[in-house]
């Protein structure tokens, strides 16, 4: 079970961890909320999660463009 958990944590976008840091809320609770609400509402939180992940990637990309590093 730990291997599966590590696999997903390494490849996840980090949306739940970022929300947990910003809201000062346990990350595990946020992950469970997304999982349970996805089953109850037939996947609509997956759309929210994906949009948040894309926003995070775009922000990271824009920050990288504004502050270029010579040896990246």
C-alpha atoms as a PDB file:
ATOM      1  CA  UNK A   1       0.000   0.000   0.000  1.00  0.00           C
ATOM      2  CA  UNK A   2       2.893   2.360   0.706  1.00  0.00           C
ATOM      3  CA  UNK A   3       4.238   1.848  -2.814  1.00  0.00           C
ATOM      4  CA  UNK A   4       0.907   2.901  -4.300  1.00  0.00           C
ATOM      5  CA  UNK A   5       0.736   5.929  -2.021  1.00  0.00           C
ATOM      6  CA  UNK A   6       4.267   7.016  -2.914  1.00  0.00           C
ATOM      7  CA  UNK A   7       3.575   6.490  -6.621  1.00  0.00           C
ATOM      8  CA  UNK A   8       0.611   8.864  -6.582  1.00  0.00           C
ATOM      9  CA  UNK A   9       2.258  11.411  -4.301  1.00  0.00           C
ATOM     10  CA  UNK A  10       5.274  11.677  -6.605  1.00  0.00           C
ATOM     11  CA  UNK A  11       3.196  12.099  -9.742  1.00  0.00           C
ATOM     12  CA  UNK A  12       0.324  14.183  -8.400  1.00  0.00           C
ATOM     13  CA  UNK A  13      -0.006  17.851  -9.174  1.00  0.00           C
ATOM     14  CA  UNK A  14       0.131  18.968  -5.548  1.00  0.00           C
ATOM     15  CA  UNK A  15      -3.245  20.683  -5.524  1.00  0.00           C
ATOM     16  CA  UNK A  16      -4.332  19.185  -2.201  1.00  0.00           C
ATOM     17  CA  UNK A  17      -1.030  19.944  -0.509  1.00  0.00           C
ATOM     18  CA  UNK A  18      -1.074  23.528  -1.778  1.00  0.00           C
ATOM     19  CA  UNK A  19      -4.652  23.998  -0.543  1.00  0.00           C
ATOM     20  CA  UNK A  20      -3.689  22.503   2.808  1.00  0.00           C
ATOM     21  CA  UNK A  21      -0.783  24.921   3.165  1.00  0.00           C
ATOM     22  CA  UNK A  22      -2.860  27.954   2.181  1.00  0.00           C
ATOM     23  CA  UNK A  23      -5.861  27.076   4.345  1.00  0.00           C
ATOM     24  CA  UNK A  24      -3.801  25.618   7.213  1.00  0.00           C
ATOM     25  CA  UNK A  25      -5.848  22.415   6.998  1.00  0.00           C
ATOM     26  CA  UNK A  26      -4.700  18.764   7.067  1.00  0.00           C
ATOM     27  CA  UNK A  27      -3.804  17.528   3.594  1.00  0.00           C
ATOM     28  CA  UNK A  28      -5.243  14.067   4.194  1.00  0.00           C
ATOM     29  CA  UNK A  29      -8.650  15.551   4.958  1.00  0.00           C
ATOM     30  CA  UNK A  30      -8.648  17.531   1.723  1.00  0.00           C
ATOM     31  CA  UNK A  31      -7.680  14.450  -0.283  1.00  0.00           C
ATOM     32  CA  UNK A  32     -10.430  12.411   1.342  1.00  0.00           C
ATOM     33  CA  UNK A  33     -12.921  15.190   0.605  1.00  0.00           C
ATOM     34  CA  UNK A  34     -11.999  15.133  -3.098  1.00  0.00           C
ATOM     35  CA  UNK A  35     -12.251  11.342  -3.232  1.00  0.00           C
ATOM     36  CA  UNK A  36     -15.588  11.053  -1.422  1.00  0.00           C
ATOM     37  CA  UNK A  37     -17.165  13.991  -3.210  1.00  0.00           C
ATOM     38  CA  UNK A  38     -16.063  12.538  -6.562  1.00  0.00           C
ATOM     39  CA  UNK A  39     -17.926   9.319  -5.823  1.00  0.00           C
ATOM     40  CA  UNK A  40     -21.008  11.087  -4.514  1.00  0.00           C
ATOM     41  CA  UNK A  41     -21.309  13.657  -7.309  1.00  0.00           C
ATOM     42  CA  UNK A  42     -20.130  11.360 -10.124  1.00  0.00           C
ATOM     43  CA  UNK A  43     -16.818  13.102 -10.783  1.00  0.00           C
ATOM     44  CA  UNK A  44     -17.515  16.824 -10.810  1.00  0.00           C
ATOM     45  CA  UNK A  45     -14.712  17.575  -8.275  1.00  0.00           C
ATOM     46  CA  UNK A  46     -12.291  16.016 -10.755  1.00  0.00           C
ATOM     47  CA  UNK A  47     -13.017  18.978 -13.044  1.00  0.00           C
ATOM     48  CA  UNK A  48     -12.269  21.391 -10.191  1.00  0.00           C
ATOM     49  CA  UNK A  49      -9.072  19.514  -9.313  1.00  0.00           C
ATOM     50  CA  UNK A  50      -7.909  19.527 -12.936  1.00  0.00           C
ATOM     51  CA  UNK A  51      -8.608  23.229 -13.369  1.00  0.00           C
ATOM     52  CA  UNK A  52      -6.710  24.031 -10.159  1.00  0.00           C
ATOM     53  CA  UNK A  53      -3.792  21.900 -11.334  1.00  0.00           C
ATOM     54  CA  UNK A  54      -3.715  23.710 -14.680  1.00  0.00           C
ATOM     55  CA  UNK A  55      -3.813  27.086 -12.939  1.00  0.00           C
ATOM     56  CA  UNK A  56      -0.867  26.066 -10.766  1.00  0.00           C
ATOM     57  CA  UNK A  57       1.138  24.947 -13.813  1.00  0.00           C
ATOM     58  CA  UNK A  58       0.377  28.174 -15.696  1.00  0.00           C
ATOM     59  CA  UNK A  59       1.392  30.304 -12.709  1.00  0.00           C
ATOM     60  CA  UNK A  60       4.626  28.349 -12.368  1.00  0.00           C
ATOM     61  CA  UNK A  61       5.324  28.756 -16.089  1.00  0.00           C
ATOM     62  CA  UNK A  62       4.636  32.510 -15.996  1.00  0.00           C
ATOM     63  CA  UNK A  63       6.870  32.976 -12.971  1.00  0.00           C
ATOM     64  CA  UNK A  64       9.639  31.097 -14.743  1.00  0.00           C
ATOM     65  CA  UNK A  65       9.273  33.339 -17.806  1.00  0.00           C
ATOM     66  CA  UNK A  66       9.421  36.513 -15.688  1.00  0.00           C
ATOM     67  CA  UNK A  67      12.513  35.352 -13.782  1.00  0.00           C
ATOM     68  CA  UNK A  68      14.660  33.369 -16.217  1.00  0.00           C
ATOM     69  CA  UNK A  69      17.575  31.423 -14.836  1.00  0.00           C
ATOM     70  CA  UNK A  70      20.758  31.145 -16.902  1.00  0.00           C
ATOM     71  CA  UNK A  71      21.482  27.510 -16.159  1.00  0.00           C
ATOM     72  CA  UNK A  72      18.109  25.827 -16.038  1.00  0.00           C
END
